[in-house]
Amino acid sequence: MVSEKETPSGKAKPETAVAPAPTPAPEAVTAAPETTTVSSSEAAPEATPEATPAAPVSTEAQAAEIIRKHVLLSAAAGVIPLNFVDTAALAVVQLRLLKELSELHGVDFRGNIGRSAVGTLFATVAPTALGGSLLGSMAFNMALRSVPVIGTVTRLATQPAFNSAFTYALGKVFQQHFASGGTFLTFQPEKVKTYFREKFEEARRRKGATPEAAPAAA
């Protein structure tokens, strides 16, 4: 803007009005957000490998282990050096076998029926096992076992093998019966005699090996 101002000489001298300088705007301070670089290993929690669940053991495999365990116990009962004590120990082992197999299949245990079945099945193999000769007769065998030294040798040579074979066959028969949906109340020894004898002879042929141990080792 130009204005005239009177000077002493009478002439007006143009005056230039200086416009005020614009006030600078306050500096805007923009704080940029700080960017934090996170590594991929820190960004996500480390994945922990999940443990692979163990495969469930089949009922058949559990039954085989139960039978194998009681076969070994029955063989040990055969070397107890007291007459009738070994028989009582064997009876306990065999009833325990039937109880564990019944529990495995959810069947109510009936001890009286189990004892009766054991006696019936024993009668099916006793004649074959004893051979019908004088040396194999039960009375002679019991008398021989009462003789010192000779009786001990006879016991160690015959009783554990017989106990093992009998217990193995007993376990296989009841395992088959329970697996097919049977119970103690429906068990009929007369119908399983053939199968029982087959398993008894199968166990006796496995000399030097405990029944059920060979498949496990393979």
C-alpha atoms as a PDB file:
ATOM      1  CA  MET A   1       0.000   0.000   0.000  1.00  0.00           C
ATOM      2  CA  VAL A   2       1.517   3.345  -1.027  1.00  0.00           C
ATOM      3  CA  SER A   3       0.635   6.687   0.730  1.00  0.00           C
ATOM      4  CA  GLU A   4       1.841  10.205   0.097  1.00  0.00           C
ATOM      5  CA  LYS A   5       3.625  12.107   2.859  1.00  0.00           C
ATOM      6  CA  GLU A   6       4.333  15.837   2.754  1.00  0.00           C
ATOM      7  CA  THR A   7       8.011  16.766   2.794  1.00  0.00           C
ATOM      8  CA  PRO A   8       9.676  20.161   3.703  1.00  0.00           C
ATOM      9  CA  SER A   9      10.044  20.941   0.067  1.00  0.00           C
ATOM     10  CA  GLY A  10       6.346  20.773  -0.363  1.00  0.00           C
ATOM     11  CA  LYS A  11       6.348  17.659  -2.410  1.00  0.00           C
ATOM     12  CA  ALA A  12       4.795  14.582  -1.268  1.00  0.00           C
ATOM     13  CA  LYS A  13       6.933  11.619  -1.246  1.00  0.00           C
ATOM     14  CA  PRO A  14       5.244   8.417  -1.748  1.00  0.00           C
ATOM     15  CA  GLU A  15       5.591   6.152   1.234  1.00  0.00           C
ATOM     16  CA  THR A  16       5.415   2.537   0.936  1.00  0.00           C
ATOM     17  CA  ALA A  17       3.596   0.860   3.755  1.00  0.00           C
ATOM     18  CA  VAL A  18       5.297  -2.279   4.704  1.00  0.00           C
ATOM     19  CA  ALA A  19       2.788  -4.994   5.445  1.00  0.00           C
ATOM     20  CA  PRO A  20       3.517  -6.777   8.650  1.00  0.00           C
ATOM     21  CA  ALA A  21       5.157 -10.109   8.150  1.00  0.00           C
ATOM     22  CA  PRO A  22       2.812 -12.956   8.729  1.00  0.00           C
ATOM     23  CA  THR A  23       3.259 -14.630  12.048  1.00  0.00           C
ATOM     24  CA  PRO A  24       4.576 -18.030  11.422  1.00  0.00           C
ATOM     25  CA  ALA A  25       2.213 -20.734  12.468  1.00  0.00           C
ATOM     26  CA  PRO A  26       3.420 -22.755  15.400  1.00  0.00           C
ATOM     27  CA  GLU A  27       5.276 -25.718  14.192  1.00  0.00           C
ATOM     28  CA  ALA A  28       3.130 -28.704  14.337  1.00  0.00           C
ATOM     29  CA  VAL A  29       5.029 -31.474  15.955  1.00  0.00           C
ATOM     30  CA  THR A  30       3.769 -34.739  14.779  1.00  0.00           C
ATOM     31  CA  ALA A  31       5.088 -37.584  16.760  1.00  0.00           C
ATOM     32  CA  ALA A  32       5.233 -40.542  14.542  1.00  0.00           C
ATOM     33  CA  PRO A  33       4.372 -43.670  16.424  1.00  0.00           C
ATOM     34  CA  GLU A  34       7.406 -45.733  17.126  1.00  0.00           C
ATOM     35  CA  THR A  35       7.354 -48.888  15.142  1.00  0.00           C
ATOM     36  CA  THR A  36       8.646 -51.864  17.052  1.00  0.00           C
ATOM     37  CA  THR A  37       9.902 -54.721  14.984  1.00  0.00           C
ATOM     38  CA  VAL A  38       8.990 -58.061  16.527  1.00  0.00           C
ATOM     39  CA  SER A  39      10.649 -61.167  15.295  1.00  0.00           C
ATOM     40  CA  SER A  40       8.515 -64.030  14.167  1.00  0.00           C
ATOM     41  CA  SER A  41       9.786 -66.125  17.046  1.00  0.00           C
ATOM     42  CA  GLU A  42       8.583 -63.475  19.559  1.00  0.00           C
ATOM     43  CA  ALA A  43       5.341 -62.633  17.804  1.00  0.00           C
ATOM     44  CA  ALA A  44       3.771 -66.037  18.325  1.00  0.00           C
ATOM     45  CA  PRO A  45       4.273 -68.284  21.330  1.00  0.00           C
ATOM     46  CA  GLU A  46       6.387 -71.285  20.623  1.00  0.00           C
ATOM     47  CA  ALA A  47       4.206 -74.210  19.632  1.00  0.00           C
ATOM     48  CA  THR A  48       4.614 -77.141  21.989  1.00  0.00           C
ATOM     49  CA  PRO A  49       4.322 -80.464  20.237  1.00  0.00           C
ATOM     50  CA  GLU A  50       1.372 -82.399  21.542  1.00  0.00           C
ATOM     51  CA  ALA A  51       2.077 -85.794  23.042  1.00  0.00           C
ATOM     52  CA  THR A  52       0.732 -88.572  20.892  1.00  0.00           C
ATOM     53  CA  PRO A  53      -1.781 -90.583  22.944  1.00  0.00           C
ATOM     54  CA  ALA A  54      -0.872 -94.208  23.405  1.00  0.00           C
ATOM     55  CA  ALA A  55      -2.938 -96.625  21.390  1.00  0.00           C
ATOM     56  CA  PRO A  56      -5.453 -98.479  23.561  1.00  0.00           C
ATOM     57  CA  VAL A  57      -4.583-102.068  24.321  1.00  0.00           C
ATOM     58  CA  SER A  58      -7.094-104.495  22.843  1.00  0.00           C
ATOM     59  CA  THR A  59      -9.163-106.717  25.089  1.00  0.00           C
ATOM     60  CA  GLU A  60      -7.617-109.769  23.446  1.00  0.00           C
ATOM     61  CA  ALA A  61      -4.105-108.565  24.287  1.00  0.00           C
ATOM     62  CA  GLN A  62      -5.088-107.822  27.891  1.00  0.00           C
ATOM     63  CA  ALA A  63      -6.622-111.281  28.239  1.00  0.00           C
ATOM     64  CA  ALA A  64      -3.466-112.896  26.851  1.00  0.00           C
ATOM     65  CA  GLU A  65      -1.370-111.035  29.432  1.00  0.00           C
ATOM     66  CA  ILE A  66      -3.693-112.105  32.249  1.00  0.00           C
ATOM     67  CA  ILE A  67      -3.449-115.748  31.159  1.00  0.00           C
ATOM     68  CA  ARG A  68       0.340-115.576  30.804  1.00  0.00           C
ATOM     69  CA  LYS A  69       0.727-114.129  34.297  1.00  0.00           C
ATOM     70  CA  HIS A  70      -1.395-116.816  35.915  1.00  0.00           C
ATOM     71  CA  VAL A  71       0.320-119.590  33.963  1.00  0.00           C
ATOM     72  CA  LEU A  72       3.596-118.515  35.565  1.00  0.00           C
ATOM     73  CA  LEU A  73       1.981-118.370  39.011  1.00  0.00           C
ATOM     74  CA  SER A  74       0.485-121.830  38.617  1.00  0.00           C
ATOM     75  CA  ALA A  75       3.881-123.233  37.653  1.00  0.00           C
ATOM     76  CA  ALA A  76       5.345-121.695  40.806  1.00  0.00           C
ATOM     77  CA  ALA A  77       2.590-123.320  42.877  1.00  0.00           C
ATOM     78  CA  GLY A  78       3.738-126.698  41.557  1.00  0.00           C
ATOM     79  CA  VAL A  79       7.045-126.495  43.398  1.00  0.00           C
ATOM     80  CA  ILE A  80       5.619-125.784  46.862  1.00  0.00           C
ATOM     81  CA  PRO A  81       7.115-128.625  48.944  1.00  0.00           C
ATOM     82  CA  LEU A  82       3.944-129.402  50.920  1.00  0.00           C
ATOM     83  CA  ASN A  83       1.202-131.723  49.764  1.00  0.00           C
ATOM     84  CA  PHE A  84      -2.231-130.140  49.463  1.00  0.00           C
ATOM     85  CA  VAL A  85      -0.737-126.692  50.082  1.00  0.00           C
ATOM     86  CA  ASP A  86       0.376-126.603  46.476  1.00  0.00           C
ATOM     87  CA  THR A  87      -3.091-127.725  45.389  1.00  0.00           C
ATOM     88  CA  ALA A  88      -4.730-124.996  47.454  1.00  0.00           C
ATOM     89  CA  ALA A  89      -2.345-122.405  46.009  1.00  0.00           C
ATOM     90  CA  LEU A  90      -3.148-123.580  42.490  1.00  0.00           C
ATOM     91  CA  ALA A  91      -6.877-123.276  43.153  1.00  0.00           C
ATOM     92  CA  VAL A  92      -6.409-119.695  44.337  1.00  0.00           C
ATOM     93  CA  VAL A  93      -4.406-118.822  41.216  1.00  0.00           C
ATOM     94  CA  GLN A  94      -6.994-120.332  38.885  1.00  0.00           C
ATOM     95  CA  LEU A  95      -9.948-118.627  40.563  1.00  0.00           C
ATOM     96  CA  ARG A  96      -8.060-115.359  40.420  1.00  0.00           C
ATOM     97  CA  LEU A  97      -7.541-115.954  36.704  1.00  0.00           C
ATOM     98  CA  LEU A  98     -11.269-116.395  36.151  1.00  0.00           C
ATOM     99  CA  LYS A  99     -12.039-113.317  38.249  1.00  0.00           C
ATOM    100  CA  GLU A 100      -9.691-111.052  36.262  1.00  0.00           C
ATOM    101  CA  LEU A 101     -10.994-112.349  32.931  1.00  0.00           C
ATOM    102  CA  SER A 102     -14.584-111.774  34.023  1.00  0.00           C
ATOM    103  CA  GLU A 103     -13.769-108.230  35.184  1.00  0.00           C
ATOM    104  CA  LEU A 104     -12.069-107.530  31.861  1.00  0.00           C
ATOM    105  CA  HIS A 105     -15.309-108.409  30.041  1.00  0.00           C
ATOM    106  CA  GLY A 106     -17.668-106.861  32.593  1.00  0.00           C
ATOM    107  CA  VAL A 107     -19.030-110.215  33.779  1.00  0.00           C
ATOM    108  CA  ASP A 108     -20.138-110.823  37.357  1.00  0.00           C
ATOM    109  CA  PHE A 109     -17.740-113.227  39.057  1.00  0.00           C
ATOM    110  CA  ARG A 110     -19.257-116.402  40.544  1.00  0.00           C
ATOM    111  CA  GLY A 111     -16.652-118.275  42.574  1.00  0.00           C
ATOM    112  CA  ASN A 112     -18.780-121.357  43.203  1.00  0.00           C
ATOM    113  CA  ILE A 113     -19.458-121.837  39.494  1.00  0.00           C
ATOM    114  CA  GLY A 114     -15.789-121.233  38.752  1.00  0.00           C
ATOM    115  CA  ARG A 115     -14.656-123.932  41.203  1.00  0.00           C
ATOM    116  CA  SER A 116     -17.177-126.383  39.779  1.00  0.00           C
ATOM    117  CA  ALA A 117     -16.017-125.672  36.232  1.00  0.00           C
ATOM    118  CA  VAL A 118     -12.360-126.181  37.191  1.00  0.00           C
ATOM    119  CA  GLY A 119     -13.174-129.572  38.691  1.00  0.00           C
ATOM    120  CA  THR A 120     -15.165-130.676  35.653  1.00  0.00           C
ATOM    121  CA  LEU A 121     -12.474-129.598  33.202  1.00  0.00           C
ATOM    122  CA  PHE A 122      -9.772-131.274  35.278  1.00  0.00           C
ATOM    123  CA  ALA A 123     -11.600-134.561  34.903  1.00  0.00           C
ATOM    124  CA  THR A 124     -11.440-134.230  31.117  1.00  0.00           C
ATOM    125  CA  VAL A 125      -7.633-134.142  30.988  1.00  0.00           C
ATOM    126  CA  ALA A 126      -6.560-136.098  34.061  1.00  0.00           C
ATOM    127  CA  PRO A 127      -6.770-139.532  32.386  1.00  0.00           C
ATOM    128  CA  THR A 128      -4.738-138.310  29.413  1.00  0.00           C
ATOM    129  CA  ALA A 129      -2.172-136.546  31.561  1.00  0.00           C
ATOM    130  CA  LEU A 130      -1.720-139.478  33.904  1.00  0.00           C
ATOM    131  CA  GLY A 131      -1.464-141.967  31.064  1.00  0.00           C
ATOM    132  CA  GLY A 132      -3.457-144.722  32.773  1.00  0.00           C
ATOM    133  CA  SER A 133      -0.311-146.583  33.888  1.00  0.00           C
ATOM    134  CA  LEU A 134       0.711-147.428  37.444  1.00  0.00           C
ATOM    135  CA  LEU A 135       3.468-144.852  37.341  1.00  0.00           C
ATOM    136  CA  GLY A 136       0.947-142.305  36.125  1.00  0.00           C
ATOM    137  CA  SER A 137      -1.849-143.098  38.534  1.00  0.00           C
ATOM    138  CA  MET A 138      -2.819-140.278  40.881  1.00  0.00           C
ATOM    139  CA  ALA A 139      -2.493-142.393  44.011  1.00  0.00           C
ATOM    140  CA  PHE A 140       0.975-143.637  43.071  1.00  0.00           C
ATOM    141  CA  ASN A 141       2.069-140.167  42.074  1.00  0.00           C
ATOM    142  CA  MET A 142       0.960-138.693  45.403  1.00  0.00           C
ATOM    143  CA  ALA A 143       2.693-141.500  47.313  1.00  0.00           C
ATOM    144  CA  LEU A 144       5.887-141.027  45.321  1.00  0.00           C
ATOM    145  CA  ARG A 145       5.905-137.321  46.006  1.00  0.00           C
ATOM    146  CA  SER A 146       5.863-138.003  49.753  1.00  0.00           C
ATOM    147  CA  VAL A 147       9.214-139.800  49.533  1.00  0.00           C
ATOM    148  CA  PRO A 148      12.159-137.501  50.363  1.00  0.00           C
ATOM    149  CA  VAL A 149      14.362-136.485  47.421  1.00  0.00           C
ATOM    150  CA  ILE A 150      12.503-138.709  44.939  1.00  0.00           C
ATOM    151  CA  GLY A 151       9.268-136.912  45.683  1.00  0.00           C
ATOM    152  CA  THR A 152      10.906-133.514  45.181  1.00  0.00           C
ATOM    153  CA  VAL A 153      12.388-134.561  41.853  1.00  0.00           C
ATOM    154  CA  THR A 154       9.064-135.962  40.703  1.00  0.00           C
ATOM    155  CA  ARG A 155       7.297-132.750  41.665  1.00  0.00           C
ATOM    156  CA  LEU A 156       9.781-130.527  39.830  1.00  0.00           C
ATOM    157  CA  ALA A 157       9.632-132.731  36.746  1.00  0.00           C
ATOM    158  CA  THR A 158       5.869-133.046  36.397  1.00  0.00           C
ATOM    159  CA  GLN A 159       3.742-130.711  38.475  1.00  0.00           C
ATOM    160  CA  PRO A 160       4.759-127.259  37.149  1.00  0.00           C
ATOM    161  CA  ALA A 161       4.264-128.395  33.535  1.00  0.00           C
ATOM    162  CA  PHE A 162       0.861-129.876  34.301  1.00  0.00           C
ATOM    163  CA  ASN A 163      -0.249-126.803  36.253  1.00  0.00           C
ATOM    164  CA  SER A 164       0.870-124.479  33.463  1.00  0.00           C
ATOM    165  CA  ALA A 165      -0.898-126.423  30.726  1.00  0.00           C
ATOM    166  CA  PHE A 166      -4.103-126.757  32.748  1.00  0.00           C
ATOM    167  CA  THR A 167      -4.201-123.058  33.684  1.00  0.00           C
ATOM    168  CA  TYR A 168      -3.480-122.021  30.096  1.00  0.00           C
ATOM    169  CA  ALA A 169      -6.340-124.156  28.743  1.00  0.00           C
ATOM    170  CA  LEU A 170      -8.660-122.915  31.483  1.00  0.00           C
ATOM    171  CA  GLY A 171      -7.904-119.302  30.645  1.00  0.00           C
ATOM    172  CA  LYS A 172      -8.373-119.811  26.898  1.00  0.00           C
ATOM    173  CA  VAL A 173     -11.733-121.507  27.385  1.00  0.00           C
ATOM    174  CA  PHE A 174     -13.157-118.774  29.618  1.00  0.00           C
ATOM    175  CA  GLN A 175     -11.666-116.010  27.474  1.00  0.00           C
ATOM    176  CA  GLN A 176     -13.479-117.413  24.448  1.00  0.00           C
ATOM    177  CA  HIS A 177     -16.678-117.799  26.465  1.00  0.00           C
ATOM    178  CA  PHE A 178     -16.668-114.252  27.865  1.00  0.00           C
ATOM    179  CA  ALA A 179     -15.628-112.706  24.538  1.00  0.00           C
ATOM    180  CA  SER A 180     -18.677-114.270  22.877  1.00  0.00           C
ATOM    181  CA  GLY A 181     -20.970-112.661  25.444  1.00  0.00           C
ATOM    182  CA  GLY A 182     -21.198-115.573  27.873  1.00  0.00           C
ATOM    183  CA  THR A 183     -21.342-115.394  31.663  1.00  0.00           C
ATOM    184  CA  PHE A 184     -20.689-117.800  34.514  1.00  0.00           C
ATOM    185  CA  LEU A 185     -24.374-118.647  34.546  1.00  0.00           C
ATOM    186  CA  THR A 186     -24.312-119.687  30.886  1.00  0.00           C
ATOM    187  CA  PHE A 187     -21.031-121.611  31.030  1.00  0.00           C
ATOM    188  CA  GLN A 188     -21.456-125.306  30.177  1.00  0.00           C
ATOM    189  CA  PRO A 189     -18.247-127.334  30.641  1.00  0.00           C
ATOM    190  CA  GLU A 190     -19.593-130.216  28.560  1.00  0.00           C
ATOM    191  CA  LYS A 191     -19.671-128.018  25.459  1.00  0.00           C
ATOM    192  CA  VAL A 192     -16.077-126.837  25.775  1.00  0.00           C
ATOM    193  CA  LYS A 193     -14.343-130.096  26.649  1.00  0.00           C
ATOM    194  CA  THR A 194     -12.961-130.618  23.152  1.00  0.00           C
ATOM    195  CA  TYR A 195     -11.586-127.074  22.930  1.00  0.00           C
ATOM    196  CA  PHE A 196     -10.170-127.361  26.446  1.00  0.00           C
ATOM    197  CA  ARG A 197      -8.302-130.578  25.613  1.00  0.00           C
ATOM    198  CA  GLU A 198      -6.914-128.992  22.442  1.00  0.00           C
ATOM    199  CA  LYS A 199      -5.497-126.053  24.372  1.00  0.00           C
ATOM    200  CA  PHE A 200      -4.189-128.316  27.115  1.00  0.00           C
ATOM    201  CA  GLU A 201      -2.252-130.447  24.631  1.00  0.00           C
ATOM    202  CA  GLU A 202      -1.092-127.335  22.790  1.00  0.00           C
ATOM    203  CA  ALA A 203       0.462-126.042  26.009  1.00  0.00           C
ATOM    204  CA  ARG A 204       2.063-129.373  26.851  1.00  0.00           C
ATOM    205  CA  ARG A 205       3.776-129.499  23.453  1.00  0.00           C
ATOM    206  CA  ARG A 206       5.480-126.176  24.132  1.00  0.00           C
ATOM    207  CA  LYS A 207       8.298-127.665  26.140  1.00  0.00           C
ATOM    208  CA  GLY A 208      10.685-125.137  27.609  1.00  0.00           C
ATOM    209  CA  ALA A 209       8.409-122.199  26.827  1.00  0.00           C
ATOM    210  CA  THR A 210       5.611-120.695  28.817  1.00  0.00           C
ATOM    211  CA  PRO A 211       2.311-120.644  26.905  1.00  0.00           C
ATOM    212  CA  GLU A 212       1.501-117.158  25.571  1.00  0.00           C
ATOM    213  CA  ALA A 213       5.153-116.147  25.952  1.00  0.00           C
ATOM    214  CA  ALA A 214       6.194-117.178  22.443  1.00  0.00           C
ATOM    215  CA  PRO A 215       3.754-114.864  20.591  1.00  0.00           C
ATOM    216  CA  ALA A 216       4.751-111.960  22.851  1.00  0.00           C
ATOM    217  CA  ALA A 217       8.437-112.502  22.151  1.00  0.00           C
ATOM    218  CA  ALA A 218       7.812-112.601  18.391  1.00  0.00           C
END
